[in-house]
Amino acid sequence: MGEVILQMKDIDKSFPGVHALDHVDLEVRRGEVHALMGENGAGKSTLMKVLTGIYKKDSGSITYKGKEV
């Protein structure tokens, strides 16, 4: 397997009345292709918005190419 290039660990995100992400982990290695799937309201878009900086995570860490971002 390739080196880990992206790691999201223990990501939490809440909105008023909704706990959208509850300790979510995601790890992507060089050369991998992933599909993010789930029911409506499962947190797929929220996770990607946290990753891209549109939403600020409430807790957890994001590491890209060995550096926390």
PDB file of N, CA and C in Angstrom:
ATOM      1  N   MET A   1       0.835  -1.189   0.000  1.00  0.00           N
ATOM      2  CA  MET A   1       0.000   0.000   0.000  1.00  0.00           C
ATOM      3  C   MET A   1       0.874   1.244   0.000  1.00  0.00           C
ATOM      4  N   GLY A   2       0.327   2.320  -0.563  1.00  0.00           N
ATOM      5  CA  GLY A   2       1.046   3.586  -0.610  1.00  0.00           C
ATOM      6  C   GLY A   2       1.035   4.307   0.721  1.00  0.00           C
ATOM      7  N   GLU A   3       1.782   5.389   0.749  1.00  0.00           N
ATOM      8  CA  GLU A   3       1.854   6.194   1.967  1.00  0.00           C
ATOM      9  C   GLU A   3       0.526   6.910   2.223  1.00  0.00           C
ATOM     10  N   VAL A   4       0.247   7.185   3.476  1.00  0.00           N
ATOM     11  CA  VAL A   4      -0.961   7.919   3.849  1.00  0.00           C
ATOM     12  C   VAL A   4      -0.756   9.383   3.457  1.00  0.00           C
ATOM     13  N   ILE A   5      -1.654   9.906   2.609  1.00  0.00           N
ATOM     14  CA  ILE A   5      -1.529  11.317   2.225  1.00  0.00           C
ATOM     15  C   ILE A   5      -2.571  12.197   2.903  1.00  0.00           C
ATOM     16  N   LEU A   6      -3.684  11.596   3.334  1.00  0.00           N
ATOM     17  CA  LEU A   6      -4.727  12.355   4.025  1.00  0.00           C
ATOM     18  C   LEU A   6      -5.281  11.520   5.158  1.00  0.00           C
ATOM     19  N   GLN A   7      -5.371  12.139   6.330  1.00  0.00           N
ATOM     20  CA  GLN A   7      -5.968  11.456   7.477  1.00  0.00           C
ATOM     21  C   GLN A   7      -6.876  12.431   8.209  1.00  0.00           C
ATOM     22  N   MET A   8      -8.128  12.048   8.339  1.00  0.00           N
ATOM     23  CA  MET A   8      -9.092  12.791   9.160  1.00  0.00           C
ATOM     24  C   MET A   8      -9.393  11.874  10.341  1.00  0.00           C
ATOM     25  N   LYS A   9      -9.173  12.389  11.546  1.00  0.00           N
ATOM     26  CA  LYS A   9      -9.281  11.532  12.725  1.00  0.00           C
ATOM     27  C   LYS A   9     -10.184  12.174  13.765  1.00  0.00           C
ATOM     28  N   ASP A  10     -11.201  11.405  14.180  1.00  0.00           N
ATOM     29  CA  ASP A  10     -12.074  11.785  15.297  1.00  0.00           C
ATOM     30  C   ASP A  10     -12.785  13.115  15.032  1.00  0.00           C
ATOM     31  N   ILE A  11     -13.259  13.315  13.807  1.00  0.00           N
ATOM     32  CA  ILE A  11     -13.898  14.572  13.417  1.00  0.00           C
ATOM     33  C   ILE A  11     -15.326  14.645  13.962  1.00  0.00           C
ATOM     34  N   ASP A  12     -15.610  15.726  14.663  1.00  0.00           N
ATOM     35  CA  ASP A  12     -16.948  16.025  15.179  1.00  0.00           C
ATOM     36  C   ASP A  12     -17.417  17.346  14.594  1.00  0.00           C
ATOM     37  N   LYS A  13     -18.709  17.396  14.260  1.00  0.00           N
ATOM     38  CA  LYS A  13     -19.321  18.651  13.807  1.00  0.00           C
ATOM     39  C   LYS A  13     -20.787  18.624  14.205  1.00  0.00           C
ATOM     40  N   SER A  14     -21.214  19.687  14.877  1.00  0.00           N
ATOM     41  CA  SER A  14     -22.622  19.816  15.280  1.00  0.00           C
ATOM     42  C   SER A  14     -23.172  21.134  14.787  1.00  0.00           C
ATOM     43  N   PHE A  15     -24.443  21.123  14.508  1.00  0.00           N
ATOM     44  CA  PHE A  15     -25.219  22.311  14.197  1.00  0.00           C
ATOM     45  C   PHE A  15     -26.336  22.368  15.226  1.00  0.00           C
ATOM     46  N   PRO A  16     -26.993  23.502  15.391  1.00  0.00           N
ATOM     47  CA  PRO A  16     -28.078  23.561  16.379  1.00  0.00           C
ATOM     48  C   PRO A  16     -29.100  22.428  16.179  1.00  0.00           C
ATOM     49  N   GLY A  17     -29.183  21.554  17.159  1.00  0.00           N
ATOM     50  CA  GLY A  17     -30.144  20.451  17.128  1.00  0.00           C
ATOM     51  C   GLY A  17     -29.694  19.226  16.348  1.00  0.00           C
ATOM     52  N   VAL A  18     -28.498  19.250  15.722  1.00  0.00           N
ATOM     53  CA  VAL A  18     -28.057  18.120  14.898  1.00  0.00           C
ATOM     54  C   VAL A  18     -26.575  17.834  15.154  1.00  0.00           C
ATOM     55  N   HIS A  19     -26.263  16.593  15.480  1.00  0.00           N
ATOM     56  CA  HIS A  19     -24.865  16.162  15.581  1.00  0.00           C
ATOM     57  C   HIS A  19     -24.529  15.479  14.252  1.00  0.00           C
ATOM     58  N   ALA A  20     -23.986  16.249  13.310  1.00  0.00           N
ATOM     59  CA  ALA A  20     -23.806  15.795  11.932  1.00  0.00           C
ATOM     60  C   ALA A  20     -22.672  14.784  11.777  1.00  0.00           C
ATOM     61  N   LEU A  21     -21.558  14.991  12.478  1.00  0.00           N
ATOM     62  CA  LEU A  21     -20.420  14.070  12.405  1.00  0.00           C
ATOM     63  C   LEU A  21     -20.043  13.669  13.826  1.00  0.00           C
ATOM     64  N   ASP A  22     -19.946  12.373  14.058  1.00  0.00           N
ATOM     65  CA  ASP A  22     -19.686  11.850  15.395  1.00  0.00           C
ATOM     66  C   ASP A  22     -18.431  10.979  15.371  1.00  0.00           C
ATOM     67  N   HIS A  23     -17.269  11.579  15.644  1.00  0.00           N
ATOM     68  CA  HIS A  23     -15.984  10.878  15.713  1.00  0.00           C
ATOM     69  C   HIS A  23     -15.680  10.113  14.417  1.00  0.00           C
ATOM     70  N   VAL A  24     -15.715  10.813  13.287  1.00  0.00           N
ATOM     71  CA  VAL A  24     -15.493  10.208  11.973  1.00  0.00           C
ATOM     72  C   VAL A  24     -14.001  10.114  11.676  1.00  0.00           C
ATOM     73  N   ASP A  25     -13.579   8.976  11.118  1.00  0.00           N
ATOM     74  CA  ASP A  25     -12.202   8.763  10.679  1.00  0.00           C
ATOM     75  C   ASP A  25     -12.203   8.466   9.181  1.00  0.00           C
ATOM     76  N   LEU A  26     -11.190   9.010   8.473  1.00  0.00           N
ATOM     77  CA  LEU A  26     -10.996   8.727   7.054  1.00  0.00           C
ATOM     78  C   LEU A  26      -9.503   8.748   6.779  1.00  0.00           C
ATOM     79  N   GLU A  27      -9.018   7.740   6.076  1.00  0.00           N
ATOM     80  CA  GLU A  27      -7.605   7.681   5.715  1.00  0.00           C
ATOM     81  C   GLU A  27      -7.501   7.374   4.227  1.00  0.00           C
ATOM     82  N   VAL A  28      -6.707   8.155   3.517  1.00  0.00           N
ATOM     83  CA  VAL A  28      -6.515   7.965   2.081  1.00  0.00           C
ATOM     84  C   VAL A  28      -5.023   7.775   1.826  1.00  0.00           C
ATOM     85  N   ARG A  29      -4.706   6.711   1.104  1.00  0.00           N
ATOM     86  CA  ARG A  29      -3.310   6.422   0.742  1.00  0.00           C
ATOM     87  C   ARG A  29      -3.080   6.751  -0.729  1.00  0.00           C
ATOM     88  N   ARG A  30      -1.840   7.082  -1.045  1.00  0.00           N
ATOM     89  CA  ARG A  30      -1.468   7.403  -2.416  1.00  0.00           C
ATOM     90  C   ARG A  30      -1.901   6.263  -3.343  1.00  0.00           C
ATOM     91  N   GLY A  31      -2.562   6.628  -4.449  1.00  0.00           N
ATOM     92  CA  GLY A  31      -2.992   5.655  -5.442  1.00  0.00           C
ATOM     93  C   GLY A  31      -4.375   5.068  -5.205  1.00  0.00           C
ATOM     94  N   GLU A  32      -4.987   5.359  -4.081  1.00  0.00           N
ATOM     95  CA  GLU A  32      -6.326   4.827  -3.797  1.00  0.00           C
ATOM     96  C   GLU A  32      -7.410   5.715  -4.409  1.00  0.00           C
ATOM     97  N   VAL A  33      -8.523   5.089  -4.698  1.00  0.00           N
ATOM     98  CA  VAL A  33      -9.719   5.804  -5.140  1.00  0.00           C
ATOM     99  C   VAL A  33     -10.829   5.424  -4.163  1.00  0.00           C
ATOM    100  N   HIS A  34     -11.549   6.426  -3.657  1.00  0.00           N
ATOM    101  CA  HIS A  34     -12.611   6.178  -2.682  1.00  0.00           C
ATOM    102  C   HIS A  34     -13.942   6.702  -3.199  1.00  0.00           C
ATOM    103  N   ALA A  35     -15.010   6.107  -2.712  1.00  0.00           N
ATOM    104  CA  ALA A  35     -16.363   6.614  -2.929  1.00  0.00           C
ATOM    105  C   ALA A  35     -16.977   6.839  -1.555  1.00  0.00           C
ATOM    106  N   LEU A  36     -17.575   7.995  -1.366  1.00  0.00           N
ATOM    107  CA  LEU A  36     -18.229   8.314  -0.101  1.00  0.00           C
ATOM    108  C   LEU A  36     -19.730   8.143  -0.315  1.00  0.00           C
ATOM    109  N   MET A  37     -20.294   7.146   0.358  1.00  0.00           N
ATOM    110  CA  MET A  37     -21.691   6.791   0.125  1.00  0.00           C
ATOM    111  C   MET A  37     -22.448   6.702   1.445  1.00  0.00           C
ATOM    112  N   GLY A  38     -23.747   6.972   1.375  1.00  0.00           N
ATOM    113  CA  GLY A  38     -24.590   6.837   2.550  1.00  0.00           C
ATOM    114  C   GLY A  38     -25.943   7.456   2.305  1.00  0.00           C
ATOM    115  N   GLU A  39     -26.832   7.271   3.252  1.00  0.00           N
ATOM    116  CA  GLU A  39     -28.183   7.807   3.148  1.00  0.00           C
ATOM    117  C   GLU A  39     -28.172   9.323   3.256  1.00  0.00           C
ATOM    118  N   ASN A  40     -29.277   9.938   2.848  1.00  0.00           N
ATOM    119  CA  ASN A  40     -29.431  11.381   3.037  1.00  0.00           C
ATOM    120  C   ASN A  40     -29.313  11.693   4.526  1.00  0.00           C
ATOM    121  N   GLY A  41     -28.539  12.715   4.833  1.00  0.00           N
ATOM    122  CA  GLY A  41     -28.363  13.111   6.225  1.00  0.00           C
ATOM    123  C   GLY A  41     -27.276  12.352   6.961  1.00  0.00           C
ATOM    124  N   ALA A  42     -26.520  11.499   6.244  1.00  0.00           N
ATOM    125  CA  ALA A  42     -25.481  10.694   6.895  1.00  0.00           C
ATOM    126  C   ALA A  42     -24.219  11.490   7.207  1.00  0.00           C
ATOM    127  N   GLY A  43     -24.031  12.662   6.584  1.00  0.00           N
ATOM    128  CA  GLY A  43     -22.873  13.501   6.876  1.00  0.00           C
ATOM    129  C   GLY A  43     -21.822  13.546   5.781  1.00  0.00           C
ATOM    130  N   LYS A  44     -22.123  12.994   4.614  1.00  0.00           N
ATOM    131  CA  LYS A  44     -21.144  12.964   3.519  1.00  0.00           C
ATOM    132  C   LYS A  44     -20.709  14.368   3.116  1.00  0.00           C
ATOM    133  N   SER A  45     -21.654  15.224   2.820  1.00  0.00           N
ATOM    134  CA  SER A  45     -21.345  16.598   2.399  1.00  0.00           C
ATOM    135  C   SER A  45     -20.691  17.376   3.527  1.00  0.00           C
ATOM    136  N   THR A  46     -21.153  17.167   4.731  1.00  0.00           N
ATOM    137  CA  THR A  46     -20.576  17.868   5.881  1.00  0.00           C
ATOM    138  C   THR A  46     -19.107  17.486   6.047  1.00  0.00           C
ATOM    139  N   LEU A  47     -18.781  16.202   5.902  1.00  0.00           N
ATOM    140  CA  LEU A  47     -17.397  15.765   6.023  1.00  0.00           C
ATOM    141  C   LEU A  47     -16.521  16.430   4.959  1.00  0.00           C
ATOM    142  N   MET A  48     -17.002  16.495   3.728  1.00  0.00           N
ATOM    143  CA  MET A  48     -16.224  17.113   2.652  1.00  0.00           C
ATOM    144  C   MET A  48     -16.105  18.629   2.848  1.00  0.00           C
ATOM    145  N   LYS A  49     -17.125  19.246   3.420  1.00  0.00           N
ATOM    146  CA  LYS A  49     -17.049  20.684   3.700  1.00  0.00           C
ATOM    147  C   LYS A  49     -16.079  20.976   4.836  1.00  0.00           C
ATOM    148  N   VAL A  50     -15.966  20.078   5.799  1.00  0.00           N
ATOM    149  CA  VAL A  50     -14.953  20.225   6.849  1.00  0.00           C
ATOM    150  C   VAL A  50     -13.566  20.057   6.227  1.00  0.00           C
ATOM    151  N   LEU A  51     -13.408  19.068   5.361  1.00  0.00           N
ATOM    152  CA  LEU A  51     -12.116  18.828   4.721  1.00  0.00           C
ATOM    153  C   LEU A  51     -11.663  20.027   3.898  1.00  0.00           C
ATOM    154  N   THR A  52     -12.572  20.657   3.177  1.00  0.00           N
ATOM    155  CA  THR A  52     -12.206  21.777   2.298  1.00  0.00           C
ATOM    156  C   THR A  52     -12.194  23.122   3.015  1.00  0.00           C
ATOM    157  N   GLY A  53     -12.595  23.153   4.284  1.00  0.00           N
ATOM    158  CA  GLY A  53     -12.537  24.395   5.048  1.00  0.00           C
ATOM    159  C   GLY A  53     -13.785  25.248   4.994  1.00  0.00           C
ATOM    160  N   ILE A  54     -14.826  24.762   4.340  1.00  0.00           N
ATOM    161  CA  ILE A  54     -16.091  25.507   4.297  1.00  0.00           C
ATOM    162  C   ILE A  54     -16.713  25.537   5.694  1.00  0.00           C
ATOM    163  N   TYR A  55     -16.665  24.392   6.396  1.00  0.00           N
ATOM    164  CA  TYR A  55     -17.111  24.317   7.781  1.00  0.00           C
ATOM    165  C   TYR A  55     -15.895  24.097   8.663  1.00  0.00           C
ATOM    166  N   LYS A  56     -15.933  24.673   9.856  1.00  0.00           N
ATOM    167  CA  LYS A  56     -14.886  24.453  10.859  1.00  0.00           C
ATOM    168  C   LYS A  56     -15.282  23.245  11.707  1.00  0.00           C
ATOM    169  N   LYS A  57     -14.364  22.319  11.885  1.00  0.00           N
ATOM    170  CA  LYS A  57     -14.649  21.144  12.716  1.00  0.00           C
ATOM    171  C   LYS A  57     -14.758  21.559  14.176  1.00  0.00           C
ATOM    172  N   ASP A  58     -15.577  20.859  14.936  1.00  0.00           N
ATOM    173  CA  ASP A  58     -15.686  21.125  16.370  1.00  0.00           C
ATOM    174  C   ASP A  58     -14.543  20.462  17.130  1.00  0.00           C
ATOM    175  N   SER A  59     -14.100  19.307  16.656  1.00  0.00           N
ATOM    176  CA  SER A  59     -12.953  18.620  17.250  1.00  0.00           C
ATOM    177  C   SER A  59     -12.398  17.622  16.250  1.00  0.00           C
ATOM    178  N   GLY A  60     -11.218  17.099  16.568  1.00  0.00           N
ATOM    179  CA  GLY A  60     -10.558  16.136  15.691  1.00  0.00           C
ATOM    180  C   GLY A  60      -9.369  16.771  15.003  1.00  0.00           C
ATOM    181  N   SER A  61      -8.727  15.997  14.125  1.00  0.00           N
ATOM    182  CA  SER A  61      -7.551  16.490  13.421  1.00  0.00           C
ATOM    183  C   SER A  61      -7.578  16.074  11.956  1.00  0.00           C
ATOM    184  N   ILE A  62      -6.977  16.918  11.120  1.00  0.00           N
ATOM    185  CA  ILE A  62      -6.831  16.641   9.696  1.00  0.00           C
ATOM    186  C   ILE A  62      -5.353  16.786   9.373  1.00  0.00           C
ATOM    187  N   THR A  63      -4.775  15.719   8.812  1.00  0.00           N
ATOM    188  CA  THR A  63      -3.367  15.722   8.444  1.00  0.00           C
ATOM    189  C   THR A  63      -3.253  15.456   6.953  1.00  0.00           C
ATOM    190  N   TYR A  64      -2.539  16.345   6.252  1.00  0.00           N
ATOM    191  CA  TYR A  64      -2.334  16.202   4.812  1.00  0.00           C
ATOM    192  C   TYR A  64      -0.830  16.184   4.539  1.00  0.00           C
ATOM    193  N   LYS A  65      -0.384  15.101   3.922  1.00  0.00           N
ATOM    194  CA  LYS A  65       1.036  14.909   3.616  1.00  0.00           C
ATOM    195  C   LYS A  65       1.912  15.123   4.857  1.00  0.00           C
ATOM    196  N   GLY A  66       1.451  14.576   5.990  1.00  0.00           N
ATOM    197  CA  GLY A  66       2.231  14.596   7.208  1.00  0.00           C
ATOM    198  C   GLY A  66       2.142  15.859   8.043  1.00  0.00           C
ATOM    199  N   LYS A  67       1.395  16.864   7.579  1.00  0.00           N
ATOM    200  CA  LYS A  67       1.276  18.113   8.315  1.00  0.00           C
ATOM    201  C   LYS A  67      -0.172  18.366   8.707  1.00  0.00           C
ATOM    202  N   GLU A  68      -0.390  18.724   9.974  1.00  0.00           N
ATOM    203  CA  GLU A  68      -1.751  19.019  10.422  1.00  0.00           C
ATOM    204  C   GLU A  68      -2.209  20.335   9.796  1.00  0.00           C
ATOM    205  N   VAL A  69      -3.408  20.300   9.262  1.00  0.00           N
ATOM    206  CA  VAL A  69      -3.989  21.497   8.629  1.00  0.00           C
ATOM    207  C   VAL A  69      -5.264  21.895   9.317  1.00  0.00           C
TER     208      VAL A  69
END
